[in-house]
PDB file of N, CA and C in Angstrom:
ATOM      1  N   MET A   1       0.854  -1.083  -0.073  1.00  0.00           N
ATOM      2  CA  MET A   1       0.058   0.102  -0.091  1.00  0.00           C
ATOM      3  C   MET A   1       0.925   1.345  -0.045  1.00  0.00           C
ATOM      4  N   VAL A   2       0.444   2.075  -0.774  1.00  0.00           N
ATOM      5  CA  VAL A   2       1.074   3.528  -0.769  1.00  0.00           C
ATOM      6  C   VAL A   2       0.174   4.664  -0.403  1.00  0.00           C
ATOM      7  N   TYR A   3       0.610   5.639   0.415  1.00  0.00           N
ATOM      8  CA  TYR A   3      -0.224   6.639   1.154  1.00  0.00           C
ATOM      9  C   TYR A   3       0.522   7.931   0.616  1.00  0.00           C
ATOM     10  N   LEU A   4       0.209   9.037  -0.166  1.00  0.00           N
ATOM     11  CA  LEU A   4       1.099   9.982  -0.536  1.00  0.00           C
ATOM     12  C   LEU A   4       0.073  11.355  -0.151  1.00  0.00           C
ATOM     13  N   HIS A   5       0.789  12.299   0.668  1.00  0.00           N
ATOM     14  CA  HIS A   5       0.051  13.421   0.808  1.00  0.00           C
ATOM     15  C   HIS A   5       0.737  14.441  -0.089  1.00  0.00           C
ATOM     16  N   CYS A   6      -0.189  15.247  -0.893  1.00  0.00           N
ATOM     17  CA  CYS A   6       0.157  16.150  -1.711  1.00  0.00           C
ATOM     18  C   CYS A   6      -0.431  17.673  -1.310  1.00  0.00           C
ATOM     19  N   ILE A   7       0.543  18.648  -1.594  1.00  0.00           N
ATOM     20  CA  ILE A   7       0.062  19.822  -1.615  1.00  0.00           C
ATOM     21  C   ILE A   7       0.447  20.558  -3.031  1.00  0.00           C
ATOM     22  N   THR A   8       1.465  20.634  -3.365  1.00  0.00           N
ATOM     23  CA  THR A   8       2.055  20.999  -4.523  1.00  0.00           C
ATOM     24  C   THR A   8       2.757  19.602  -5.367  1.00  0.00           C
ATOM     25  N   THR A   9       3.756  19.023  -4.436  1.00  0.00           N
ATOM     26  CA  THR A   9       4.248  17.840  -4.924  1.00  0.00           C
ATOM     27  C   THR A   9       3.921  16.852  -3.737  1.00  0.00           C
ATOM     28  N   CYS A  10       4.116  15.614  -4.048  1.00  0.00           N
ATOM     29  CA  CYS A  10       3.559  14.582  -3.152  1.00  0.00           C
ATOM     30  C   CYS A  10       4.651  14.069  -2.195  1.00  0.00           C
ATOM     31  N   ALA A  11       4.348  13.613  -1.195  1.00  0.00           N
ATOM     32  CA  ALA A  11       5.431  13.045  -0.134  1.00  0.00           C
ATOM     33  C   ALA A  11       4.682  11.746   0.416  1.00  0.00           C
ATOM     34  N   GLN A  12       5.548  10.670   0.427  1.00  0.00           N
ATOM     35  CA  GLN A  12       4.857   9.530   0.994  1.00  0.00           C
ATOM     36  C   GLN A  12       5.076   9.039   2.205  1.00  0.00           C
ATOM     37  N   TYR A  13       4.045   8.681   2.890  1.00  0.00           N
ATOM     38  CA  TYR A  13       3.869   8.599   4.386  1.00  0.00           C
ATOM     39  C   TYR A  13       4.611   7.065   4.451  1.00  0.00           C
ATOM     40  N   VAL A  14       5.664   7.028   5.409  1.00  0.00           N
ATOM     41  CA  VAL A  14       6.097   5.747   5.474  1.00  0.00           C
ATOM     42  C   VAL A  14       6.183   5.347   7.060  1.00  0.00           C
ATOM     43  N   VAL A  15       5.761   4.232   7.125  1.00  0.00           N
ATOM     44  CA  VAL A  15       5.554   3.939   8.667  1.00  0.00           C
ATOM     45  C   VAL A  15       6.823   2.766   8.698  1.00  0.00           C
ATOM     46  N   GLY A  16       7.503   3.138   9.992  1.00  0.00           N
ATOM     47  CA  GLY A  16       8.523   2.270  10.460  1.00  0.00           C
ATOM     48  C   GLY A  16       9.692   2.401   9.788  1.00  0.00           C
ATOM     49  N   GLY A  17       9.907   3.663   9.401  1.00  0.00           N
ATOM     50  CA  GLY A  17      11.330   3.947   8.685  1.00  0.00           C
ATOM     51  C   GLY A  17      12.062   4.293   9.764  1.00  0.00           C
ATOM     52  N   PRO A  18      13.348   4.693   9.550  1.00  0.00           N
ATOM     53  CA  PRO A  18      14.405   4.987  10.539  1.00  0.00           C
ATOM     54  C   PRO A  18      14.062   6.038  11.572  1.00  0.00           C
ATOM     55  N   ASN A  19      13.028   6.953  11.279  1.00  0.00           N
ATOM     56  CA  ASN A  19      12.584   7.776  12.304  1.00  0.00           C
ATOM     57  C   ASN A  19      11.185   7.419  12.598  1.00  0.00           C
ATOM     58  N   GLY A  20      10.780   6.355  12.482  1.00  0.00           N
ATOM     59  CA  GLY A  20       9.507   6.002  12.769  1.00  0.00           C
ATOM     60  C   GLY A  20       8.348   6.260  11.976  1.00  0.00           C
ATOM     61  N   GLN A  21       7.416   6.995  12.097  1.00  0.00           N
ATOM     62  CA  GLN A  21       6.857   7.617  11.058  1.00  0.00           C
ATOM     63  C   GLN A  21       7.042   8.808  10.513  1.00  0.00           C
ATOM     64  N   GLU A  22       7.188   8.971   9.104  1.00  0.00           N
ATOM     65  CA  GLU A  22       7.648   9.930   8.483  1.00  0.00           C
ATOM     66  C   GLU A  22       7.241  10.201   7.158  1.00  0.00           C
ATOM     67  N   TYR A  23       7.394  11.341   6.609  1.00  0.00           N
ATOM     68  CA  TYR A  23       6.856  11.775   4.959  1.00  0.00           C
ATOM     69  C   TYR A  23       8.431  11.977   4.299  1.00  0.00           C
ATOM     70  N   VAL A  24       8.112  11.314   3.336  1.00  0.00           N
ATOM     71  CA  VAL A  24       9.504  11.161   2.072  1.00  0.00           C
ATOM     72  C   VAL A  24       9.007  12.274   1.124  1.00  0.00           C
ATOM     73  N   GLN A  25       9.987  13.123   1.179  1.00  0.00           N
ATOM     74  CA  GLN A  25       9.395  14.326   0.130  1.00  0.00           C
ATOM     75  C   GLN A  25       9.689  14.199  -1.135  1.00  0.00           C
ATOM     76  N   ASP A  26       8.868  14.902  -1.944  1.00  0.00           N
ATOM     77  CA  ASP A  26       9.265  14.844  -3.556  1.00  0.00           C
ATOM     78  C   ASP A  26       9.025  13.143  -4.119  1.00  0.00           C
ATOM     79  N   TYR A  27       7.868  12.482  -3.692  1.00  0.00           N
ATOM     80  CA  TYR A  27       7.705  11.052  -4.147  1.00  0.00           C
ATOM     81  C   TYR A  27       7.813  10.852  -5.629  1.00  0.00           C
ATOM     82  N   THR A  28       8.693   9.842  -6.266  1.00  0.00           N
ATOM     83  CA  THR A  28       8.741   9.366  -7.513  1.00  0.00           C
ATOM     84  C   THR A  28       8.213   8.041  -7.772  1.00  0.00           C
ATOM     85  N   VAL A  29       7.637   7.755  -8.614  1.00  0.00           N
ATOM     86  CA  VAL A  29       7.327   6.190  -8.684  1.00  0.00           C
ATOM     87  C   VAL A  29       8.273   5.386  -9.100  1.00  0.00           C
ATOM     88  N   PRO A  30       8.409   4.506  -8.659  1.00  0.00           N
ATOM     89  CA  PRO A  30       9.903   3.460  -8.633  1.00  0.00           C
ATOM     90  C   PRO A  30      10.042   3.182  -9.850  1.00  0.00           C
ATOM     91  N   SER A  31      11.300   3.049 -10.690  1.00  0.00           N
ATOM     92  CA  SER A  31      11.671   2.845 -12.037  1.00  0.00           C
ATOM     93  C   SER A  31      11.202   1.658 -12.675  1.00  0.00           C
ATOM     94  N   ASN A  32      10.690   0.540 -11.840  1.00  0.00           N
ATOM     95  CA  ASN A  32      10.356  -1.210 -12.034  1.00  0.00           C
ATOM     96  C   ASN A  32       8.947  -1.070 -11.833  1.00  0.00           C
ATOM     97  N   ARG A  33       8.426  -0.013 -11.459  1.00  0.00           N
ATOM     98  CA  ARG A  33       6.931  -0.173 -10.927  1.00  0.00           C
ATOM     99  C   ARG A  33       5.753   0.864 -11.628  1.00  0.00           C
ATOM    100  N   TYR A  34       4.372   0.518 -11.407  1.00  0.00           N
ATOM    101  CA  TYR A  34       3.575   1.222 -11.667  1.00  0.00           C
ATOM    102  C   TYR A  34       2.693   1.614 -10.357  1.00  0.00           C
ATOM    103  N   LEU A  35       2.382   3.033 -10.152  1.00  0.00           N
ATOM    104  CA  LEU A  35       1.537   3.287  -9.044  1.00  0.00           C
ATOM    105  C   LEU A  35       0.111   3.379  -9.453  1.00  0.00           C
ATOM    106  N   VAL A  36      -0.615   2.480  -9.005  1.00  0.00           N
ATOM    107  CA  VAL A  36      -2.138   2.606  -9.069  1.00  0.00           C
ATOM    108  C   VAL A  36      -2.908   3.347  -7.955  1.00  0.00           C
ATOM    109  N   ILE A  37      -3.845   4.329  -8.160  1.00  0.00           N
ATOM    110  CA  ILE A  37      -4.397   5.084  -7.137  1.00  0.00           C
ATOM    111  C   ILE A  37      -5.981   4.391  -7.290  1.00  0.00           C
ATOM    112  N   THR A  38      -6.062   4.319  -5.830  1.00  0.00           N
ATOM    113  CA  THR A  38      -7.511   3.669  -5.784  1.00  0.00           C
ATOM    114  C   THR A  38      -8.438   4.389  -4.846  1.00  0.00           C
ATOM    115  N   ALA A  39      -7.980   5.526  -4.536  1.00  0.00           N
ATOM    116  CA  ALA A  39      -8.741   6.513  -3.718  1.00  0.00           C
ATOM    117  C   ALA A  39      -8.021   7.925  -3.430  1.00  0.00           C
ATOM    118  N   ALA A  40      -8.816   8.703  -3.130  1.00  0.00           N
ATOM    119  CA  ALA A  40      -8.339  10.073  -2.877  1.00  0.00           C
ATOM    120  C   ALA A  40      -9.120  10.704  -1.908  1.00  0.00           C
ATOM    121  N   ASP A  41      -8.411  11.544  -0.915  1.00  0.00           N
ATOM    122  CA  ASP A  41      -9.394  12.587  -0.311  1.00  0.00           C
ATOM    123  C   ASP A  41      -8.920  13.988  -0.444  1.00  0.00           C
ATOM    124  N   VAL A  42      -9.769  14.782  -1.117  1.00  0.00           N
ATOM    125  CA  VAL A  42      -9.326  16.140  -1.492  1.00  0.00           C
ATOM    126  C   VAL A  42      -9.977  16.898  -0.334  1.00  0.00           C
ATOM    127  N   THR A  43      -9.175  17.879   0.013  1.00  0.00           N
ATOM    128  CA  THR A  43      -9.562  18.959   0.971  1.00  0.00           C
ATOM    129  C   THR A  43      -9.506  20.357   0.371  1.00  0.00           C
ATOM    130  N   SER A  44     -10.170  21.268   0.647  1.00  0.00           N
ATOM    131  CA  SER A  44     -10.000  22.580   0.230  1.00  0.00           C
ATOM    132  C   SER A  44     -10.311  23.530   1.497  1.00  0.00           C
ATOM    133  N   SER A  45      -9.796  24.139   2.195  1.00  0.00           N
ATOM    134  CA  SER A  45     -10.026  25.010   3.378  1.00  0.00           C
ATOM    135  C   SER A  45      -9.300  26.126   3.432  1.00  0.00           C
ATOM    136  N   ASN A  46      -9.813  27.350   4.238  1.00  0.00           N
ATOM    137  CA  ASN A  46      -9.271  28.562   4.281  1.00  0.00           C
ATOM    138  C   ASN A  46      -8.071  28.832   5.128  1.00  0.00           C
ATOM    139  N   GLY A  47      -7.550  27.782   5.345  1.00  0.00           N
ATOM    140  CA  GLY A  47      -6.129  27.724   6.133  1.00  0.00           C
ATOM    141  C   GLY A  47      -6.291  27.687   7.487  1.00  0.00           C
ATOM    142  N   ALA A  48      -7.694  28.006   8.138  1.00  0.00           N
ATOM    143  CA  ALA A  48      -7.920  28.098   9.376  1.00  0.00           C
ATOM    144  C   ALA A  48      -8.716  26.571   9.601  1.00  0.00           C
ATOM    145  N   LEU A  49      -8.947  25.673   8.805  1.00  0.00           N
ATOM    146  CA  LEU A  49      -9.837  24.464   9.063  1.00  0.00           C
ATOM    147  C   LEU A  49     -11.029  24.412   8.920  1.00  0.00           C
ATOM    148  N   ALA A  50     -11.443  25.535   8.402  1.00  0.00           N
ATOM    149  CA  ALA A  50     -12.727  25.911   7.887  1.00  0.00           C
ATOM    150  C   ALA A  50     -13.063  25.401   6.518  1.00  0.00           C
ATOM    151  N   PRO A  51     -13.891  25.002   6.068  1.00  0.00           N
ATOM    152  CA  PRO A  51     -14.392  24.832   4.382  1.00  0.00           C
ATOM    153  C   PRO A  51     -14.035  26.288   3.709  1.00  0.00           C
ATOM    154  N   CYS A  52     -13.492  26.135   2.430  1.00  0.00           N
ATOM    155  CA  CYS A  52     -13.394  27.419   1.576  1.00  0.00           C
ATOM    156  C   CYS A  52     -14.714  27.641   1.129  1.00  0.00           C
ATOM    157  N   ALA A  53     -14.847  29.137   1.220  1.00  0.00           N
ATOM    158  CA  ALA A  53     -15.975  29.725   0.629  1.00  0.00           C
ATOM    159  C   ALA A  53     -16.259  29.742  -0.825  1.00  0.00           C
ATOM    160  N   THR A  54     -15.245  29.345  -1.608  1.00  0.00           N
ATOM    161  CA  THR A  54     -15.490  29.321  -3.086  1.00  0.00           C
ATOM    162  C   THR A  54     -15.253  28.024  -3.708  1.00  0.00           C
ATOM    163  N   PRO A  55     -15.630  27.484  -5.068  1.00  0.00           N
ATOM    164  CA  PRO A  55     -15.294  26.618  -5.499  1.00  0.00           C
ATOM    165  C   PRO A  55     -13.861  26.282  -5.801  1.00  0.00           C
ATOM    166  N   ALA A  56     -13.396  24.844  -5.723  1.00  0.00           N
ATOM    167  CA  ALA A  56     -12.183  24.667  -6.049  1.00  0.00           C
ATOM    168  C   ALA A  56     -11.957  23.764  -6.976  1.00  0.00           C
ATOM    169  N   TRP A  57     -11.154  23.933  -8.046  1.00  0.00           N
ATOM    170  CA  TRP A  57     -10.705  22.776  -9.007  1.00  0.00           C
ATOM    171  C   TRP A  57      -9.456  22.714  -9.161  1.00  0.00           C
ATOM    172  N   ILE A  58      -9.154  21.263  -8.790  1.00  0.00           N
ATOM    173  CA  ILE A  58      -7.915  20.464  -8.417  1.00  0.00           C
ATOM    174  C   ILE A  58      -7.625  19.623  -9.587  1.00  0.00           C
ATOM    175  N   ASN A  59      -6.230  19.806  -9.988  1.00  0.00           N
ATOM    176  CA  ASN A  59      -5.864  18.838 -11.183  1.00  0.00           C
ATOM    177  C   ASN A  59      -4.729  18.192 -10.587  1.00  0.00           C
ATOM    178  N   ILE A  60      -4.387  16.739 -10.958  1.00  0.00           N
ATOM    179  CA  ILE A  60      -3.441  15.992 -10.558  1.00  0.00           C
ATOM    180  C   ILE A  60      -2.842  15.506 -12.005  1.00  0.00           C
ATOM    181  N   GLY A  61      -1.546  15.643 -11.951  1.00  0.00           N
ATOM    182  CA  GLY A  61      -0.655  15.241 -13.377  1.00  0.00           C
ATOM    183  C   GLY A  61       0.593  14.904 -13.050  1.00  0.00           C
ATOM    184  N   THR A  62       1.201  14.205 -14.148  1.00  0.00           N
ATOM    185  CA  THR A  62       2.733  13.653 -14.185  1.00  0.00           C
ATOM    186  C   THR A  62       3.384  14.468 -14.716  1.00  0.00           C
ATOM    187  N   LYS A  63       4.701  15.138 -13.873  1.00  0.00           N
ATOM    188  CA  LYS A  63       5.373  15.889 -14.107  1.00  0.00           C
ATOM    189  C   LYS A  63       6.470  15.119 -15.223  1.00  0.00           C
ATOM    190  N   ILE A  64       6.579  15.983 -16.290  1.00  0.00           N
ATOM    191  CA  ILE A  64       7.532  15.387 -17.621  1.00  0.00           C
ATOM    192  C   ILE A  64       8.503  16.589 -17.750  1.00  0.00           C
ATOM    193  N   GLY A  65       9.776  16.853 -17.356  1.00  0.00           N
ATOM    194  CA  GLY A  65      10.564  17.717 -17.584  1.00  0.00           C
ATOM    195  C   GLY A  65       9.836  18.994 -16.999  1.00  0.00           C
ATOM    196  N   ASP A  66       9.525  20.324 -17.496  1.00  0.00           N
ATOM    197  CA  ASP A  66       9.071  21.386 -17.132  1.00  0.00           C
ATOM    198  C   ASP A  66       7.603  21.555 -17.212  1.00  0.00           C
ATOM    199  N   TYR A  67       7.014  20.199 -17.978  1.00  0.00           N
ATOM    200  CA  TYR A  67       5.504  20.290 -18.099  1.00  0.00           C
ATOM    201  C   TYR A  67       4.851  19.183 -17.440  1.00  0.00           C
ATOM    202  N   THR A  68       3.498  19.674 -16.775  1.00  0.00           N
ATOM    203  CA  THR A  68       2.593  18.806 -16.169  1.00  0.00           C
ATOM    204  C   THR A  68       1.465  18.337 -16.856  1.00  0.00           C
ATOM    205  N   LEU A  69       1.547  17.117 -17.172  1.00  0.00           N
ATOM    206  CA  LEU A  69       0.376  16.409 -18.226  1.00  0.00           C
ATOM    207  C   LEU A  69      -0.733  16.053 -16.895  1.00  0.00           C
ATOM    208  N   GLY A  70      -1.939  16.554 -17.323  1.00  0.00           N
ATOM    209  CA  GLY A  70      -3.178  16.419 -16.466  1.00  0.00           C
ATOM    210  C   GLY A  70      -3.294  14.929 -16.614  1.00  0.00           C
ATOM    211  N   ARG A  71      -4.061  14.302 -15.400  1.00  0.00           N
ATOM    212  CA  ARG A  71      -4.267  12.941 -15.566  1.00  0.00           C
ATOM    213  C   ARG A  71      -5.668  12.749 -14.904  1.00  0.00           C
ATOM    214  N   SER A  72      -6.371  13.597 -13.725  1.00  0.00           N
ATOM    215  CA  SER A  72      -7.293  13.676 -13.183  1.00  0.00           C
ATOM    216  C   SER A  72      -7.977  14.882 -12.811  1.00  0.00           C
ATOM    217  N   ALA A  73      -9.068  15.238 -12.374  1.00  0.00           N
ATOM    218  CA  ALA A  73      -9.542  16.461 -11.925  1.00  0.00           C
ATOM    219  C   ALA A  73     -10.566  16.187 -10.743  1.00  0.00           C
ATOM    220  N   TRP A  74     -10.665  17.088 -10.063  1.00  0.00           N
ATOM    221  CA  TRP A  74     -11.731  17.260  -8.899  1.00  0.00           C
ATOM    222  C   TRP A  74     -12.168  18.575  -8.904  1.00  0.00           C
ATOM    223  N   ALA A  75     -13.498  18.586  -8.895  1.00  0.00           N
ATOM    224  CA  ALA A  75     -14.132  19.975  -8.687  1.00  0.00           C
ATOM    225  C   ALA A  75     -15.126  19.802  -7.209  1.00  0.00           C
ATOM    226  N   LEU A  76     -14.453  20.800  -6.180  1.00  0.00           N
ATOM    227  CA  LEU A  76     -15.298  20.872  -4.992  1.00  0.00           C
ATOM    228  C   LEU A  76     -16.231  22.034  -5.001  1.00  0.00           C
ATOM    229  N   PRO A  77     -17.332  21.904  -4.412  1.00  0.00           N
ATOM    230  CA  PRO A  77     -18.263  22.935  -4.250  1.00  0.00           C
ATOM    231  C   PRO A  77     -17.768  23.781  -3.081  1.00  0.00           C
ATOM    232  N   ALA A  78     -18.425  25.142  -2.945  1.00  0.00           N
ATOM    233  CA  ALA A  78     -17.980  25.733  -1.989  1.00  0.00           C
ATOM    234  C   ALA A  78     -18.454  25.478  -0.742  1.00  0.00           C
ATOM    235  N   ASN A  79     -17.750  25.775   0.443  1.00  0.00           N
ATOM    236  CA  ASN A  79     -18.061  25.160   1.633  1.00  0.00           C
ATOM    237  C   ASN A  79     -18.082  23.639   1.760  1.00  0.00           C
ATOM    238  N   THR A  80     -17.165  22.904   1.299  1.00  0.00           N
ATOM    239  CA  THR A  80     -16.855  21.655   1.461  1.00  0.00           C
ATOM    240  C   THR A  80     -15.606  21.288   1.764  1.00  0.00           C
ATOM    241  N   LEU A  81     -15.281  20.893   2.971  1.00  0.00           N
ATOM    242  CA  LEU A  81     -14.046  20.683   3.394  1.00  0.00           C
ATOM    243  C   LEU A  81     -13.076  19.578   2.869  1.00  0.00           C
ATOM    244  N   THR A  82     -13.796  18.008   2.946  1.00  0.00           N
ATOM    245  CA  THR A  82     -13.172  17.152   2.387  1.00  0.00           C
ATOM    246  C   THR A  82     -13.937  16.034   1.715  1.00  0.00           C
ATOM    247  N   THR A  83     -13.746  15.675   0.650  1.00  0.00           N
ATOM    248  CA  THR A  83     -14.512  14.898  -0.419  1.00  0.00           C
ATOM    249  C   THR A  83     -13.708  13.818  -0.735  1.00  0.00           C
ATOM    250  N   HIS A  84     -14.284  12.630  -0.463  1.00  0.00           N
ATOM    251  CA  HIS A  84     -13.596  11.168  -0.717  1.00  0.00           C
ATOM    252  C   HIS A  84     -14.127  10.650  -2.219  1.00  0.00           C
ATOM    253  N   PHE A  85     -13.057  10.482  -3.072  1.00  0.00           N
ATOM    254  CA  PHE A  85     -13.225   9.780  -4.092  1.00  0.00           C
ATOM    255  C   PHE A  85     -12.729   8.255  -4.244  1.00  0.00           C
ATOM    256  N   THR A  86     -13.291   7.230  -4.807  1.00  0.00           N
ATOM    257  CA  THR A  86     -12.992   5.980  -5.053  1.00  0.00           C
ATOM    258  C   THR A  86     -12.779   5.845  -6.549  1.00  0.00           C
ATOM    259  N   TYR A  87     -11.831   4.855  -6.993  1.00  0.00           N
ATOM    260  CA  TYR A  87     -11.448   4.511  -8.237  1.00  0.00           C
ATOM    261  C   TYR A  87     -11.272   2.940  -8.275  1.00  0.00           C
ATOM    262  N   PRO A  88     -12.641   2.331  -8.173  1.00  0.00           N
ATOM    263  CA  PRO A  88     -12.309   0.719  -7.996  1.00  0.00           C
ATOM    264  C   PRO A  88     -11.250   0.000  -8.995  1.00  0.00           C
ATOM    265  N   PRO A  89     -11.306   0.244 -10.380  1.00  0.00           N
ATOM    266  CA  PRO A  89     -10.168  -0.279 -11.012  1.00  0.00           C
ATOM    267  C   PRO A  89      -8.831   0.443 -10.925  1.00  0.00           C
ATOM    268  N   GLY A  90      -8.922   1.757 -10.521  1.00  0.00           N
ATOM    269  CA  GLY A  90      -7.890   2.391 -10.160  1.00  0.00           C
ATOM    270  C   GLY A  90      -7.094   3.137 -11.544  1.00  0.00           C
ATOM    271  N   PHE A  91      -6.259   4.103 -11.163  1.00  0.00           N
ATOM    272  CA  PHE A  91      -5.702   4.816 -12.475  1.00  0.00           C
ATOM    273  C   PHE A  91      -4.200   5.018 -12.180  1.00  0.00           C
ATOM    274  N   ALA A  92      -3.428   4.535 -13.334  1.00  0.00           N
ATOM    275  CA  ALA A  92      -1.843   4.351 -13.180  1.00  0.00           C
ATOM    276  C   ALA A  92      -1.347   5.565 -13.210  1.00  0.00           C
ATOM    277  N   PHE A  93       0.015   5.783 -12.647  1.00  0.00           N
ATOM    278  CA  PHE A  93       1.183   6.631 -13.219  1.00  0.00           C
ATOM    279  C   PHE A  93       2.252   5.671 -13.375  1.00  0.00           C
ATOM    280  N   ALA A  94       2.780   6.107 -14.303  1.00  0.00           N
ATOM    281  CA  ALA A  94       4.202   5.319 -14.915  1.00  0.00           C
ATOM    282  C   ALA A  94       5.277   5.075 -14.027  1.00  0.00           C
ATOM    283  N   PRO A  95       6.142   4.175 -14.254  1.00  0.00           N
ATOM    284  CA  PRO A  95       7.611   4.109 -13.623  1.00  0.00           C
ATOM    285  C   PRO A  95       8.174   5.620 -14.037  1.00  0.00           C
ATOM    286  N   GLY A  96       8.823   6.027 -12.908  1.00  0.00           N
ATOM    287  CA  GLY A  96       9.923   7.053 -12.772  1.00  0.00           C
ATOM    288  C   GLY A  96       9.350   8.478 -12.882  1.00  0.00           C
ATOM    289  N   THR A  97       7.827   8.401 -12.798  1.00  0.00           N
ATOM    290  CA  THR A  97       7.255   9.820 -12.825  1.00  0.00           C
ATOM    291  C   THR A  97       7.143  10.366 -11.302  1.00  0.00           C
ATOM    292  N   SER A  98       7.021  11.790 -11.499  1.00  0.00           N
ATOM    293  CA  SER A  98       6.690  12.424 -10.206  1.00  0.00           C
ATOM    294  C   SER A  98       5.170  12.955 -10.570  1.00  0.00           C
ATOM    295  N   ILE A  99       4.576  13.169  -9.298  1.00  0.00           N
ATOM    296  CA  ILE A  99       3.147  13.621  -9.274  1.00  0.00           C
ATOM    297  C   ILE A  99       3.038  15.044  -8.843  1.00  0.00           C
ATOM    298  N   GLN A 100       2.169  15.813  -9.641  1.00  0.00           N
ATOM    299  CA  GLN A 100       2.025  17.343  -9.133  1.00  0.00           C
ATOM    300  C   GLN A 100       0.496  17.694  -9.151  1.00  0.00           C
ATOM    301  N   ILE A 101       0.262  18.461  -7.948  1.00  0.00           N
ATOM    302  CA  ILE A 101      -1.192  18.929  -8.058  1.00  0.00           C
ATOM    303  C   ILE A 101      -1.077  20.649  -8.392  1.00  0.00           C
ATOM    304  N   LEU A 102      -2.187  20.820  -9.010  1.00  0.00           N
ATOM    305  CA  LEU A 102      -2.379  22.066  -9.370  1.00  0.00           C
ATOM    306  C   LEU A 102      -3.912  22.574  -9.152  1.00  0.00           C
ATOM    307  N   PHE A 103      -4.042  23.753  -8.634  1.00  0.00           N
ATOM    308  CA  PHE A 103      -5.350  24.367  -8.251  1.00  0.00           C
ATOM    309  C   PHE A 103      -5.771  25.493  -8.838  1.00  0.00           C
ATOM    310  N   ALA A 104      -7.095  25.721  -8.688  1.00  0.00           N
ATOM    311  CA  ALA A 104      -7.716  27.395  -8.769  1.00  0.00           C
ATOM    312  C   ALA A 104      -8.443  27.560  -8.074  1.00  0.00           C
ATOM    313  N   ASN A 105      -7.977  28.390  -7.023  1.00  0.00           N
ATOM    314  CA  ASN A 105      -8.791  29.154  -6.052  1.00  0.00           C
ATOM    315  C   ASN A 105      -8.040  29.982  -5.208  1.00  0.00           C
ATOM    316  N   ASN A 106      -8.562  30.603  -3.983  1.00  0.00           N
ATOM    317  CA  ASN A 106      -7.471  31.422  -3.049  1.00  0.00           C
ATOM    318  C   ASN A 106      -7.612  30.601  -1.820  1.00  0.00           C
ATOM    319  N   CYS A 107      -7.783  29.364  -1.616  1.00  0.00           N
ATOM    320  CA  CYS A 107      -7.672  28.595  -0.664  1.00  0.00           C
ATOM    321  C   CYS A 107      -6.697  27.399  -0.557  1.00  0.00           C
ATOM    322  N   ALA A 108      -6.492  26.814   0.567  1.00  0.00           N
ATOM    323  CA  ALA A 108      -5.425  25.817   0.730  1.00  0.00           C
ATOM    324  C   ALA A 108      -5.979  24.458   0.311  1.00  0.00           C
ATOM    325  N   ILE A 109      -5.137  23.698  -0.549  1.00  0.00           N
ATOM    326  CA  ILE A 109      -5.597  22.691  -0.904  1.00  0.00           C
ATOM    327  C   ILE A 109      -4.701  21.470  -0.687  1.00  0.00           C
ATOM    328  N   GLU A 110      -5.347  20.256  -0.141  1.00  0.00           N
ATOM    329  CA  GLU A 110      -4.622  19.020   0.160  1.00  0.00           C
ATOM    330  C   GLU A 110      -5.093  17.918  -0.360  1.00  0.00           C
ATOM    331  N   VAL A 111      -4.165  16.715  -0.956  1.00  0.00           N
ATOM    332  CA  VAL A 111      -4.836  15.898  -1.531  1.00  0.00           C
ATOM    333  C   VAL A 111      -4.096  14.514  -1.018  1.00  0.00           C
ATOM    334  N   ASN A 112      -5.032  13.723  -0.576  1.00  0.00           N
ATOM    335  CA  ASN A 112      -4.094  12.278   0.094  1.00  0.00           C
ATOM    336  C   ASN A 112      -4.607  11.123  -0.910  1.00  0.00           C
ATOM    337  N   LEU A 113      -3.670  10.772  -1.319  1.00  0.00           N
ATOM    338  CA  LEU A 113      -3.735   9.437  -2.199  1.00  0.00           C
ATOM    339  C   LEU A 113      -3.634   8.299  -1.670  1.00  0.00           C
ATOM    340  N   TYR A 114      -4.605   6.977  -2.125  1.00  0.00           N
ATOM    341  CA  TYR A 114      -4.046   5.958  -1.566  1.00  0.00           C
ATOM    342  C   TYR A 114      -4.050   4.947  -2.783  1.00  0.00           C
ATOM    343  N   GLY A 115      -3.116   4.223  -2.649  1.00  0.00           N
ATOM    344  CA  GLY A 115      -3.229   3.009  -4.013  1.00  0.00           C
ATOM    345  C   GLY A 115      -1.755   2.093  -3.335  1.00  0.00           C
ATOM    346  N   TYR A 116      -1.474   1.454  -4.577  1.00  0.00           N
ATOM    347  CA  TYR A 116      -0.496   0.247  -4.392  1.00  0.00           C
ATOM    348  C   TYR A 116       0.327   0.271  -5.641  1.00  0.00           C
ATOM    349  N   LEU A 117       1.691  -0.221  -5.783  1.00  0.00           N
ATOM    350  CA  LEU A 117       2.696  -0.513  -6.420  1.00  0.00           C
ATOM    351  C   LEU A 117       2.737  -1.650  -7.151  1.00  0.00           C
ATOM    352  N   THR A 118       2.650  -1.890  -8.731  1.00  0.00           N
ATOM    353  CA  THR A 118       2.586  -3.243  -9.365  1.00  0.00           C
ATOM    354  C   THR A 118       3.605  -3.273 -10.316  1.00  0.00           C
ATOM    355  N   THR A 119       3.934  -4.313 -10.791  1.00  0.00           N
ATOM    356  CA  THR A 119       4.846  -4.528 -11.909  1.00  0.00           C
ATOM    357  C   THR A 119       4.096  -4.450 -13.392  1.00  0.00           C
ATOM    358  N   ASN A 120       2.914  -4.309 -13.496  1.00  0.00           N
ATOM    359  CA  ASN A 120       1.975  -4.267 -14.831  1.00  0.00           C
ATOM    360  C   ASN A 120       0.778  -3.561 -14.720  1.00  0.00           C
TER     361      ASN A 120
END
């Protein structure tokens, strides 16, 4: 299982690492695996843990050089703090890619991604 916490770039949450529970910054999909995302929690807040008063548009993409290719997007209505999305078959990120989060509004955005690594 892979758990990523994303604001602009994604950090992997690791349990039992050398420092106990920690985030490993700037997650990149291992070069010999695909990352399959099966669920996401998307949060839009005003920075004080209150829901954002305006709608939010959040896009997840793969960073390729200086270009981010959009892969999936979420639209959150105003006054919604966290929305859970599930993807039963999952959607995959290719080996060696990094994941970027882009958004359009004046509020703070966080995305938690849940998935797993596979060889095919």
